[in-house]
Amino acid sequence: MDVPVAANVLGTMGAVCWSVQLIPQIVINWKRHHAIGLQPTMMMLWAWAGVPLGVYNIVEDFNIALRIQPQILTFLSLVTWIQCFYYERKWSLLRAVAVVAPIACIMGGIEAALIIALRIAKDRNLQWPLILMAVLSASLLSAGVLRHYWDIYVHRTVRGISFVFVAIDALGDLTSLMSVIFQPTLDILGLVIYGSELVLWLGVFACGGYYNLVPWIRNRLAKKKRAIPASCGPSRRSPNQEGHSNPVEAGGEPVTLYDLPSSTSVFRTPSGELNFVRARTVGTRRSSNSGEAEVAPP
């Protein structure tokens, strides 16, 4: 399907999505100061996937948006990858930069060399090197997402990954897939690259709905059911004759507060405290007995 305008617009949308796809994940890692559940293997596989994908898109003369996509993917993947070591292994910022900068330079050098080499091969009508780049890119992207599938299987939940990131990435895959369709010639390998990752992200969404969303909804409904009887139940406080309320125990008997020594009794001996309590108890009984005698009829 030869629709250059649609191809450029959809490719630009895909490039925009891929430009911001990992930003929500990076921001979440920064705010919570950890990257628990996020797989560094996935991020490194994605970073390397951007190299053959960039070579393929540039040598095949895709639109400018699709040429920029892989470079952004590699950069953001490396930033997210080094966050895992910075937060989880407590690397210093200097050490993190010292590790990630040479890797980025090596990736850029390899991609530039492959672009030159594959352009020469294309001029000589050799297609297998380009096919190898497309297959390698699709394999690395899929392997990165599949690494997270293993974590979902082990922990029975989707953890550490931002669903906003997943949604944006899936949208970028969809628009890029449609951009390839509207290219002058239909590229089957391009369809495989973007289509395979789109299917895997949809699977992550399905796992998130099953393991995360459904239990959350059940917990919310259970809390509402427990809150309704509690609000409609009888009060556990009974008013006394003076209009106040006393706590009531589970058996229905009121809690009795016995007379206690004053604060000055902290210096008394245990025997002295015992005599004090006995004296007050005897005095209370005598006063009650005398009161009953006065009220009794002659």
C-alpha atoms as a PDB file:
ATOM      1  CA  MET A   1       0.000   0.000   0.000  1.00  0.00           C
ATOM      2  CA  ASP A   2       1.719   3.176  -1.210  1.00  0.00           C
ATOM      3  CA  VAL A   3       0.451   6.035   0.963  1.00  0.00           C
ATOM      4  CA  PRO A   4       3.532   8.132   1.874  1.00  0.00           C
ATOM      5  CA  VAL A   5       1.579  10.686   3.943  1.00  0.00           C
ATOM      6  CA  ALA A   6      -0.020   8.011   6.133  1.00  0.00           C
ATOM      7  CA  ALA A   7       3.304   6.208   6.460  1.00  0.00           C
ATOM      8  CA  ASN A   8       5.059   9.372   7.626  1.00  0.00           C
ATOM      9  CA  VAL A   9       2.277  10.393  10.039  1.00  0.00           C
ATOM     10  CA  LEU A  10       2.005   6.933  11.598  1.00  0.00           C
ATOM     11  CA  GLY A  11       5.780   6.578  11.708  1.00  0.00           C
ATOM     12  CA  THR A  12       6.034   9.929  13.478  1.00  0.00           C
ATOM     13  CA  MET A  13       3.400   8.826  16.003  1.00  0.00           C
ATOM     14  CA  GLY A  14       5.343   5.634  16.599  1.00  0.00           C
ATOM     15  CA  ALA A  15       8.560   7.609  17.059  1.00  0.00           C
ATOM     16  CA  VAL A  16       6.844   9.919  19.561  1.00  0.00           C
ATOM     17  CA  CYS A  17       5.508   6.926  21.505  1.00  0.00           C
ATOM     18  CA  TRP A  18       8.925   5.293  21.541  1.00  0.00           C
ATOM     19  CA  SER A  19      10.461   8.593  22.591  1.00  0.00           C
ATOM     20  CA  VAL A  20       8.419   8.685  25.793  1.00  0.00           C
ATOM     21  CA  GLN A  21       7.612   5.013  26.362  1.00  0.00           C
ATOM     22  CA  LEU A  22      10.288   4.384  28.983  1.00  0.00           C
ATOM     23  CA  ILE A  23      10.040   7.825  30.586  1.00  0.00           C
ATOM     24  CA  PRO A  24       7.137   6.765  32.904  1.00  0.00           C
ATOM     25  CA  GLN A  25       9.199   3.760  33.991  1.00  0.00           C
ATOM     26  CA  ILE A  26      12.277   5.921  34.600  1.00  0.00           C
ATOM     27  CA  VAL A  27      10.213   8.427  36.602  1.00  0.00           C
ATOM     28  CA  ILE A  28       8.601   5.678  38.706  1.00  0.00           C
ATOM     29  CA  ASN A  29      12.008   4.201  39.499  1.00  0.00           C
ATOM     30  CA  TRP A  30      13.275   7.636  40.507  1.00  0.00           C
ATOM     31  CA  LYS A  31      10.268   8.434  42.714  1.00  0.00           C
ATOM     32  CA  ARG A  32      10.233   5.154  44.616  1.00  0.00           C
ATOM     33  CA  HIS A  33      14.058   4.876  44.688  1.00  0.00           C
ATOM     34  CA  HIS A  34      14.087   1.212  43.735  1.00  0.00           C
ATOM     35  CA  ALA A  35      13.646  -0.986  40.682  1.00  0.00           C
ATOM     36  CA  ILE A  36      12.310  -4.145  42.327  1.00  0.00           C
ATOM     37  CA  GLY A  37      10.671  -6.415  39.754  1.00  0.00           C
ATOM     38  CA  LEU A  38      12.109  -4.566  36.770  1.00  0.00           C
ATOM     39  CA  GLN A  39      14.329  -6.918  34.819  1.00  0.00           C
ATOM     40  CA  PRO A  40      17.743  -5.442  33.883  1.00  0.00           C
ATOM     41  CA  THR A  41      18.165  -8.283  31.380  1.00  0.00           C
ATOM     42  CA  MET A  42      15.085  -7.066  29.543  1.00  0.00           C
ATOM     43  CA  MET A  43      16.427  -3.506  29.360  1.00  0.00           C
ATOM     44  CA  MET A  44      19.832  -4.611  28.068  1.00  0.00           C
ATOM     45  CA  LEU A  45      18.255  -6.874  25.445  1.00  0.00           C
ATOM     46  CA  TRP A  46      16.162  -3.937  24.285  1.00  0.00           C
ATOM     47  CA  ALA A  47      19.191  -1.691  24.134  1.00  0.00           C
ATOM     48  CA  TRP A  48      20.991  -4.161  21.889  1.00  0.00           C
ATOM     49  CA  ALA A  49      17.819  -4.728  19.831  1.00  0.00           C
ATOM     50  CA  GLY A  50      17.940  -1.065  18.838  1.00  0.00           C
ATOM     51  CA  VAL A  51      21.264  -1.639  17.029  1.00  0.00           C
ATOM     52  CA  PRO A  52      20.123  -4.124  14.329  1.00  0.00           C
ATOM     53  CA  LEU A  53      16.723  -2.423  14.167  1.00  0.00           C
ATOM     54  CA  GLY A  54      18.391   0.919  13.443  1.00  0.00           C
ATOM     55  CA  VAL A  55      20.620  -0.697  10.824  1.00  0.00           C
ATOM     56  CA  TYR A  56      17.632  -2.323   9.132  1.00  0.00           C
ATOM     57  CA  ASN A  57      15.430   0.789   9.099  1.00  0.00           C
ATOM     58  CA  ILE A  58      18.223   3.046   7.821  1.00  0.00           C
ATOM     59  CA  VAL A  59      19.511   0.699   5.108  1.00  0.00           C
ATOM     60  CA  GLU A  60      15.959   0.001   3.911  1.00  0.00           C
ATOM     61  CA  ASP A  61      15.367   3.780   3.619  1.00  0.00           C
ATOM     62  CA  PHE A  62      12.356   3.903   5.907  1.00  0.00           C
ATOM     63  CA  ASN A  63      10.928   7.313   6.773  1.00  0.00           C
ATOM     64  CA  ILE A  64      12.941   9.515   9.117  1.00  0.00           C
ATOM     65  CA  ALA A  65      10.686   8.781  12.080  1.00  0.00           C
ATOM     66  CA  LEU A  66      11.331   5.043  11.848  1.00  0.00           C
ATOM     67  CA  ARG A  67      15.066   5.703  11.554  1.00  0.00           C
ATOM     68  CA  ILE A  68      15.103   7.688  14.786  1.00  0.00           C
ATOM     69  CA  GLN A  69      12.991   5.169  16.721  1.00  0.00           C
ATOM     70  CA  PRO A  70      15.737   2.600  17.386  1.00  0.00           C
ATOM     71  CA  GLN A  71      18.201   5.240  18.583  1.00  0.00           C
ATOM     72  CA  ILE A  72      15.724   6.499  21.181  1.00  0.00           C
ATOM     73  CA  LEU A  73      14.922   2.922  22.181  1.00  0.00           C
ATOM     74  CA  THR A  74      18.590   2.152  22.817  1.00  0.00           C
ATOM     75  CA  PHE A  75      19.196   5.338  24.816  1.00  0.00           C
ATOM     76  CA  LEU A  76      16.159   5.005  27.101  1.00  0.00           C
ATOM     77  CA  SER A  77      16.777   1.282  27.583  1.00  0.00           C
ATOM     78  CA  LEU A  78      20.329   1.975  28.741  1.00  0.00           C
ATOM     79  CA  VAL A  79      19.095   4.635  31.181  1.00  0.00           C
ATOM     80  CA  THR A  80      16.526   2.222  32.639  1.00  0.00           C
ATOM     81  CA  TRP A  81      19.083  -0.587  32.734  1.00  0.00           C
ATOM     82  CA  ILE A  82      21.608   1.417  34.723  1.00  0.00           C
ATOM     83  CA  GLN A  83      18.859   2.510  37.131  1.00  0.00           C
ATOM     84  CA  CYS A  84      18.517  -1.124  38.209  1.00  0.00           C
ATOM     85  CA  PHE A  85      22.151  -1.150  39.340  1.00  0.00           C
ATOM     86  CA  TYR A  86      22.041   2.360  40.776  1.00  0.00           C
ATOM     87  CA  TYR A  87      19.040   1.624  43.026  1.00  0.00           C
ATOM     88  CA  GLU A  88      19.278  -2.115  43.668  1.00  0.00           C
ATOM     89  CA  ARG A  89      23.068  -2.576  43.939  1.00  0.00           C
ATOM     90  CA  LYS A  90      23.647   0.905  45.379  1.00  0.00           C
ATOM     91  CA  TRP A  91      26.084   1.997  42.687  1.00  0.00           C
ATOM     92  CA  SER A  92      27.302   5.574  42.832  1.00  0.00           C
ATOM     93  CA  LEU A  93      26.310   7.969  40.054  1.00  0.00           C
ATOM     94  CA  LEU A  94      29.909   8.201  38.856  1.00  0.00           C
ATOM     95  CA  ARG A  95      30.232   4.430  38.624  1.00  0.00           C
ATOM     96  CA  ALA A  96      26.918   4.134  36.782  1.00  0.00           C
ATOM     97  CA  VAL A  97      27.943   6.722  34.184  1.00  0.00           C
ATOM     98  CA  ALA A  98      31.402   5.149  33.849  1.00  0.00           C
ATOM     99  CA  VAL A  99      29.790   1.794  33.030  1.00  0.00           C
ATOM    100  CA  VAL A 100      26.952   2.880  30.730  1.00  0.00           C
ATOM    101  CA  ALA A 101      28.830   5.483  28.640  1.00  0.00           C
ATOM    102  CA  PRO A 102      31.356   3.053  27.063  1.00  0.00           C
ATOM    103  CA  ILE A 103      28.550   0.571  26.306  1.00  0.00           C
ATOM    104  CA  ALA A 104      26.590   3.287  24.493  1.00  0.00           C
ATOM    105  CA  CYS A 105      29.681   4.256  22.464  1.00  0.00           C
ATOM    106  CA  ILE A 106      30.329   0.623  21.503  1.00  0.00           C
ATOM    107  CA  MET A 107      26.718   0.215  20.367  1.00  0.00           C
ATOM    108  CA  GLY A 108      26.893   3.377  18.279  1.00  0.00           C
ATOM    109  CA  GLY A 109      30.143   2.280  16.639  1.00  0.00           C
ATOM    110  CA  ILE A 110      28.772  -1.177  15.819  1.00  0.00           C
ATOM    111  CA  GLU A 111      25.615   0.292  14.303  1.00  0.00           C
ATOM    112  CA  ALA A 112      27.556   2.757  12.125  1.00  0.00           C
ATOM    113  CA  ALA A 113      29.870   0.020  10.865  1.00  0.00           C
ATOM    114  CA  LEU A 114      26.947  -2.307  10.092  1.00  0.00           C
ATOM    115  CA  ILE A 115      25.110   0.433   8.175  1.00  0.00           C
ATOM    116  CA  ILE A 116      28.117   0.960   5.909  1.00  0.00           C
ATOM    117  CA  ALA A 117      28.672  -2.771   5.443  1.00  0.00           C
ATOM    118  CA  LEU A 118      25.023  -3.603   4.728  1.00  0.00           C
ATOM    119  CA  ARG A 119      24.658  -0.757   2.234  1.00  0.00           C
ATOM    120  CA  ILE A 120      27.542  -2.266   0.290  1.00  0.00           C
ATOM    121  CA  ALA A 121      25.899  -5.702   0.537  1.00  0.00           C
ATOM    122  CA  LYS A 122      22.580  -4.258  -0.667  1.00  0.00           C
ATOM    123  CA  ASP A 123      24.279  -2.674  -3.679  1.00  0.00           C
ATOM    124  CA  ARG A 124      25.590  -6.153  -4.509  1.00  0.00           C
ATOM    125  CA  ASN A 125      22.060  -7.582  -4.202  1.00  0.00           C
ATOM    126  CA  LEU A 126      22.807  -9.478  -1.003  1.00  0.00           C
ATOM    127  CA  GLN A 127      19.607  -9.609   1.053  1.00  0.00           C
ATOM    128  CA  TRP A 128      20.484 -12.131   3.763  1.00  0.00           C
ATOM    129  CA  PRO A 129      22.450  -9.610   5.932  1.00  0.00           C
ATOM    130  CA  LEU A 130      19.372  -7.363   6.141  1.00  0.00           C
ATOM    131  CA  ILE A 131      17.179 -10.347   6.896  1.00  0.00           C
ATOM    132  CA  LEU A 132      19.594 -11.299   9.661  1.00  0.00           C
ATOM    133  CA  MET A 133      19.335  -7.780  11.164  1.00  0.00           C
ATOM    134  CA  ALA A 134      15.547  -7.910  11.136  1.00  0.00           C
ATOM    135  CA  VAL A 135      15.418 -11.371  12.705  1.00  0.00           C
ATOM    136  CA  LEU A 136      18.027 -10.441  15.313  1.00  0.00           C
ATOM    137  CA  SER A 137      16.139  -7.283  16.259  1.00  0.00           C
ATOM    138  CA  ALA A 138      12.803  -9.077  16.552  1.00  0.00           C
ATOM    139  CA  SER A 139      14.398 -11.864  18.580  1.00  0.00           C
ATOM    140  CA  LEU A 140      16.040  -9.479  21.060  1.00  0.00           C
ATOM    141  CA  LEU A 141      12.867  -7.407  21.512  1.00  0.00           C
ATOM    142  CA  SER A 142      10.785 -10.522  22.062  1.00  0.00           C
ATOM    143  CA  ALA A 143      13.363 -12.073  24.381  1.00  0.00           C
ATOM    144  CA  GLY A 144      13.318  -8.907  26.498  1.00  0.00           C
ATOM    145  CA  VAL A 145       9.565  -9.067  26.984  1.00  0.00           C
ATOM    146  CA  LEU A 146       9.640 -12.840  27.484  1.00  0.00           C
ATOM    147  CA  ARG A 147      12.115 -12.311  30.330  1.00  0.00           C
ATOM    148  CA  HIS A 148       9.360 -10.421  32.113  1.00  0.00           C
ATOM    149  CA  TYR A 149       6.936 -13.270  31.376  1.00  0.00           C
ATOM    150  CA  TRP A 150       9.201 -15.538  33.418  1.00  0.00           C
ATOM    151  CA  ASP A 151       9.040 -13.116  36.344  1.00  0.00           C
ATOM    152  CA  ILE A 152       5.231 -13.077  36.048  1.00  0.00           C
ATOM    153  CA  TYR A 153       5.180 -16.884  36.104  1.00  0.00           C
ATOM    154  CA  VAL A 154       7.437 -17.115  39.172  1.00  0.00           C
ATOM    155  CA  HIS A 155       5.734 -14.428  41.272  1.00  0.00           C
ATOM    156  CA  ARG A 156       2.177 -14.789  39.909  1.00  0.00           C
ATOM    157  CA  THR A 157       1.886 -11.016  39.483  1.00  0.00           C
ATOM    158  CA  VAL A 158       3.000  -8.236  37.163  1.00  0.00           C
ATOM    159  CA  ARG A 159       5.472  -6.319  39.297  1.00  0.00           C
ATOM    160  CA  GLY A 160       8.047  -3.608  38.809  1.00  0.00           C
ATOM    161  CA  ILE A 161       6.826  -2.522  35.386  1.00  0.00           C
ATOM    162  CA  SER A 162       4.694   0.520  34.627  1.00  0.00           C
ATOM    163  CA  PHE A 163       1.476  -0.209  32.759  1.00  0.00           C
ATOM    164  CA  VAL A 164       1.653   3.323  31.341  1.00  0.00           C
ATOM    165  CA  PHE A 165       4.980   2.349  29.775  1.00  0.00           C
ATOM    166  CA  VAL A 166       3.465  -0.867  28.428  1.00  0.00           C
ATOM    167  CA  ALA A 167       0.490   0.997  26.932  1.00  0.00           C
ATOM    168  CA  ILE A 168       2.669   3.628  25.242  1.00  0.00           C
ATOM    169  CA  ASP A 169       5.043   1.000  23.886  1.00  0.00           C
ATOM    170  CA  ALA A 170       2.170  -1.080  22.547  1.00  0.00           C
ATOM    171  CA  LEU A 171       0.710   2.017  20.875  1.00  0.00           C
ATOM    172  CA  GLY A 172       4.122   2.748  19.334  1.00  0.00           C
ATOM    173  CA  ASP A 173       4.301  -0.793  18.001  1.00  0.00           C
ATOM    174  CA  LEU A 174       0.808  -0.492  16.533  1.00  0.00           C
ATOM    175  CA  THR A 175       1.444   2.828  14.771  1.00  0.00           C
ATOM    176  CA  SER A 176       4.841   1.646  13.512  1.00  0.00           C
ATOM    177  CA  LEU A 177       3.222  -1.535  12.232  1.00  0.00           C
ATOM    178  CA  MET A 178       0.659   0.492  10.306  1.00  0.00           C
ATOM    179  CA  SER A 179       3.414   2.785   9.019  1.00  0.00           C
ATOM    180  CA  VAL A 180       5.186  -0.222   7.530  1.00  0.00           C
ATOM    181  CA  ILE A 181       1.921  -1.282   5.880  1.00  0.00           C
ATOM    182  CA  PHE A 182       1.603   2.122   4.169  1.00  0.00           C
ATOM    183  CA  GLN A 183       5.175   2.013   2.810  1.00  0.00           C
ATOM    184  CA  PRO A 184       5.579   1.814  -0.990  1.00  0.00           C
ATOM    185  CA  THR A 185       6.425  -1.883  -0.669  1.00  0.00           C
ATOM    186  CA  LEU A 186       5.044  -4.157   2.031  1.00  0.00           C
ATOM    187  CA  ASP A 187       7.911  -5.281   4.253  1.00  0.00           C
ATOM    188  CA  ILE A 188       7.142  -8.645   5.843  1.00  0.00           C
ATOM    189  CA  LEU A 189      10.095  -8.507   8.219  1.00  0.00           C
ATOM    190  CA  GLY A 190       9.031  -5.077   9.435  1.00  0.00           C
ATOM    191  CA  LEU A 191       5.599  -6.494  10.173  1.00  0.00           C
ATOM    192  CA  VAL A 192       7.192  -9.343  12.138  1.00  0.00           C
ATOM    193  CA  ILE A 193       9.390  -6.993  14.176  1.00  0.00           C
ATOM    194  CA  TYR A 194       6.617  -4.688  15.352  1.00  0.00           C
ATOM    195  CA  GLY A 195       3.809  -7.246  15.327  1.00  0.00           C
ATOM    196  CA  SER A 196       5.585  -9.789  17.535  1.00  0.00           C
ATOM    197  CA  GLU A 197       6.291  -7.239  20.252  1.00  0.00           C
ATOM    198  CA  LEU A 198       2.726  -5.893  20.081  1.00  0.00           C
ATOM    199  CA  VAL A 199       1.333  -9.382  20.682  1.00  0.00           C
ATOM    200  CA  LEU A 200       3.656  -9.912  23.658  1.00  0.00           C
ATOM    201  CA  TRP A 201       2.636  -6.600  25.243  1.00  0.00           C
ATOM    202  CA  LEU A 202      -1.005  -7.513  24.864  1.00  0.00           C
ATOM    203  CA  GLY A 203      -0.177 -10.698  26.754  1.00  0.00           C
ATOM    204  CA  VAL A 204       1.384  -8.649  29.568  1.00  0.00           C
ATOM    205  CA  PHE A 205      -1.825  -6.599  29.727  1.00  0.00           C
ATOM    206  CA  ALA A 206      -3.844  -9.804  29.992  1.00  0.00           C
ATOM    207  CA  CYS A 207      -1.611 -11.085  32.818  1.00  0.00           C
ATOM    208  CA  GLY A 208      -1.936  -7.749  34.609  1.00  0.00           C
ATOM    209  CA  GLY A 209      -5.709  -7.954  34.392  1.00  0.00           C
ATOM    210  CA  TYR A 210      -5.760 -11.505  35.737  1.00  0.00           C
ATOM    211  CA  TYR A 211      -3.140 -11.255  38.486  1.00  0.00           C
ATOM    212  CA  ASN A 212      -3.441  -7.583  39.489  1.00  0.00           C
ATOM    213  CA  LEU A 213      -6.768  -6.064  38.490  1.00  0.00           C
ATOM    214  CA  VAL A 214      -9.134  -8.937  39.324  1.00  0.00           C
ATOM    215  CA  PRO A 215      -7.769  -9.469  42.902  1.00  0.00           C
ATOM    216  CA  TRP A 216      -7.884  -5.707  43.485  1.00  0.00           C
ATOM    217  CA  ILE A 217     -11.557  -5.577  42.473  1.00  0.00           C
ATOM    218  CA  ARG A 218     -12.347  -8.566  44.707  1.00  0.00           C
ATOM    219  CA  ASN A 219     -10.648  -6.949  47.694  1.00  0.00           C
ATOM    220  CA  ARG A 220     -12.558  -3.716  47.163  1.00  0.00           C
ATOM    221  CA  LEU A 221     -15.892  -5.557  46.996  1.00  0.00           C
ATOM    222  CA  ALA A 222     -15.037  -7.626  50.078  1.00  0.00           C
ATOM    223  CA  LYS A 223     -14.181  -4.484  52.060  1.00  0.00           C
ATOM    224  CA  LYS A 224     -17.502  -2.901  51.096  1.00  0.00           C
ATOM    225  CA  LYS A 225     -19.413  -6.004  52.180  1.00  0.00           C
ATOM    226  CA  ARG A 226     -17.645  -6.017  55.546  1.00  0.00           C
ATOM    227  CA  ALA A 227     -18.216  -2.294  56.039  1.00  0.00           C
ATOM    228  CA  ILE A 228     -22.002  -2.464  55.542  1.00  0.00           C
ATOM    229  CA  PRO A 229     -22.809  -4.886  58.457  1.00  0.00           C
ATOM    230  CA  ALA A 230     -20.340  -3.094  60.724  1.00  0.00           C
ATOM    231  CA  SER A 231     -22.077   0.239  60.187  1.00  0.00           C
ATOM    232  CA  CYS A 232     -25.538  -1.264  60.725  1.00  0.00           C
ATOM    233  CA  GLY A 233     -24.644  -3.345  63.830  1.00  0.00           C
ATOM    234  CA  PRO A 234     -25.639  -2.450  67.446  1.00  0.00           C
ATOM    235  CA  SER A 235     -23.441  -0.201  69.506  1.00  0.00           C
ATOM    236  CA  ARG A 236     -21.210  -1.887  72.039  1.00  0.00           C
ATOM    237  CA  ARG A 237     -21.526   0.952  74.541  1.00  0.00           C
ATOM    238  CA  SER A 238     -24.352   1.131  77.111  1.00  0.00           C
ATOM    239  CA  PRO A 239     -25.334   4.396  78.807  1.00  0.00           C
ATOM    240  CA  ASN A 240     -25.267   4.574  82.622  1.00  0.00           C
ATOM    241  CA  GLN A 241     -27.530   6.474  84.934  1.00  0.00           C
ATOM    242  CA  GLU A 242     -25.566   9.742  84.623  1.00  0.00           C
ATOM    243  CA  GLY A 243     -25.841   9.830  80.833  1.00  0.00           C
ATOM    244  CA  HIS A 244     -22.276   8.627  80.185  1.00  0.00           C
ATOM    245  CA  SER A 245     -21.265   5.450  78.405  1.00  0.00           C
ATOM    246  CA  ASN A 246     -19.033   2.680  79.696  1.00  0.00           C
ATOM    247  CA  PRO A 247     -17.071   0.226  77.533  1.00  0.00           C
ATOM    248  CA  VAL A 248     -18.700  -3.189  77.228  1.00  0.00           C
ATOM    249  CA  GLU A 249     -16.739  -6.393  76.947  1.00  0.00           C
ATOM    250  CA  ALA A 250     -17.453  -9.129  74.444  1.00  0.00           C
ATOM    251  CA  GLY A 251     -19.415 -11.110  77.077  1.00  0.00           C
ATOM    252  CA  GLY A 252     -21.719  -8.204  77.863  1.00  0.00           C
ATOM    253  CA  GLU A 253     -20.257  -7.406  81.309  1.00  0.00           C
ATOM    254  CA  PRO A 254     -19.109  -3.835  82.041  1.00  0.00           C
ATOM    255  CA  VAL A 255     -15.412  -3.211  82.604  1.00  0.00           C
ATOM    256  CA  THR A 256     -14.766  -2.314  86.265  1.00  0.00           C
ATOM    257  CA  LEU A 257     -12.083   0.248  87.092  1.00  0.00           C
ATOM    258  CA  TYR A 258     -10.716  -0.459  90.549  1.00  0.00           C
ATOM    259  CA  ASP A 259      -9.282   2.177  92.882  1.00  0.00           C
ATOM    260  CA  LEU A 260      -5.555   2.531  92.440  1.00  0.00           C
ATOM    261  CA  PRO A 261      -2.936   4.081  94.745  1.00  0.00           C
ATOM    262  CA  SER A 262      -1.951   7.658  94.124  1.00  0.00           C
ATOM    263  CA  SER A 263       1.201   8.631  92.303  1.00  0.00           C
ATOM    264  CA  THR A 264       3.034   8.972  95.621  1.00  0.00           C
ATOM    265  CA  SER A 265       2.772   5.215  96.167  1.00  0.00           C
ATOM    266  CA  VAL A 266       5.527   4.454  93.689  1.00  0.00           C
ATOM    267  CA  PHE A 267       8.032   4.574  96.569  1.00  0.00           C
ATOM    268  CA  ARG A 268       6.096   2.150  98.760  1.00  0.00           C
ATOM    269  CA  THR A 269       7.072  -1.461  99.341  1.00  0.00           C
ATOM    270  CA  PRO A 270       4.855  -4.204  97.856  1.00  0.00           C
ATOM    271  CA  SER A 271       3.593  -5.102 101.340  1.00  0.00           C
ATOM    272  CA  GLY A 272       2.702  -1.478 102.021  1.00  0.00           C
ATOM    273  CA  GLU A 273       0.743  -1.291  98.769  1.00  0.00           C
ATOM    274  CA  LEU A 274      -1.106  -4.476  99.660  1.00  0.00           C
ATOM    275  CA  ASN A 275      -2.094  -3.089 103.083  1.00  0.00           C
ATOM    276  CA  PHE A 276      -3.214   0.149 101.441  1.00  0.00           C
ATOM    277  CA  VAL A 277      -5.506  -1.666  99.010  1.00  0.00           C
ATOM    278  CA  ARG A 278      -6.943  -3.855 101.790  1.00  0.00           C
ATOM    279  CA  ALA A 279      -7.663  -0.810 103.976  1.00  0.00           C
ATOM    280  CA  ARG A 280      -9.504   0.963 101.141  1.00  0.00           C
ATOM    281  CA  THR A 281     -11.477  -2.188 100.321  1.00  0.00           C
ATOM    282  CA  VAL A 282     -12.582  -2.628 103.966  1.00  0.00           C
ATOM    283  CA  GLY A 283     -13.523   1.052 104.177  1.00  0.00           C
ATOM    284  CA  THR A 284     -15.632   0.789 101.056  1.00  0.00           C
ATOM    285  CA  ARG A 285     -17.464  -2.268 102.355  1.00  0.00           C
ATOM    286  CA  ARG A 286     -18.211  -0.591 105.728  1.00  0.00           C
ATOM    287  CA  SER A 287     -19.610   2.536 104.094  1.00  0.00           C
ATOM    288  CA  SER A 288     -21.824   0.461 101.830  1.00  0.00           C
ATOM    289  CA  ASN A 289     -23.111  -1.619 104.766  1.00  0.00           C
ATOM    290  CA  SER A 290     -23.895   1.503 106.820  1.00  0.00           C
ATOM    291  CA  GLY A 291     -25.753   3.003 103.877  1.00  0.00           C
ATOM    292  CA  GLU A 292     -27.895  -0.102 103.538  1.00  0.00           C
ATOM    293  CA  ALA A 293     -28.659   0.017 107.275  1.00  0.00           C
ATOM    294  CA  GLU A 294     -29.892   3.587 107.076  1.00  0.00           C
ATOM    295  CA  VAL A 295     -32.190   2.853 104.133  1.00  0.00           C
ATOM    296  CA  ALA A 296     -33.632  -0.347 105.658  1.00  0.00           C
ATOM    297  CA  PRO A 297     -37.171  -0.031 107.197  1.00  0.00           C
ATOM    298  CA  PRO A 298     -37.589  -0.132 111.009  1.00  0.00           C
END
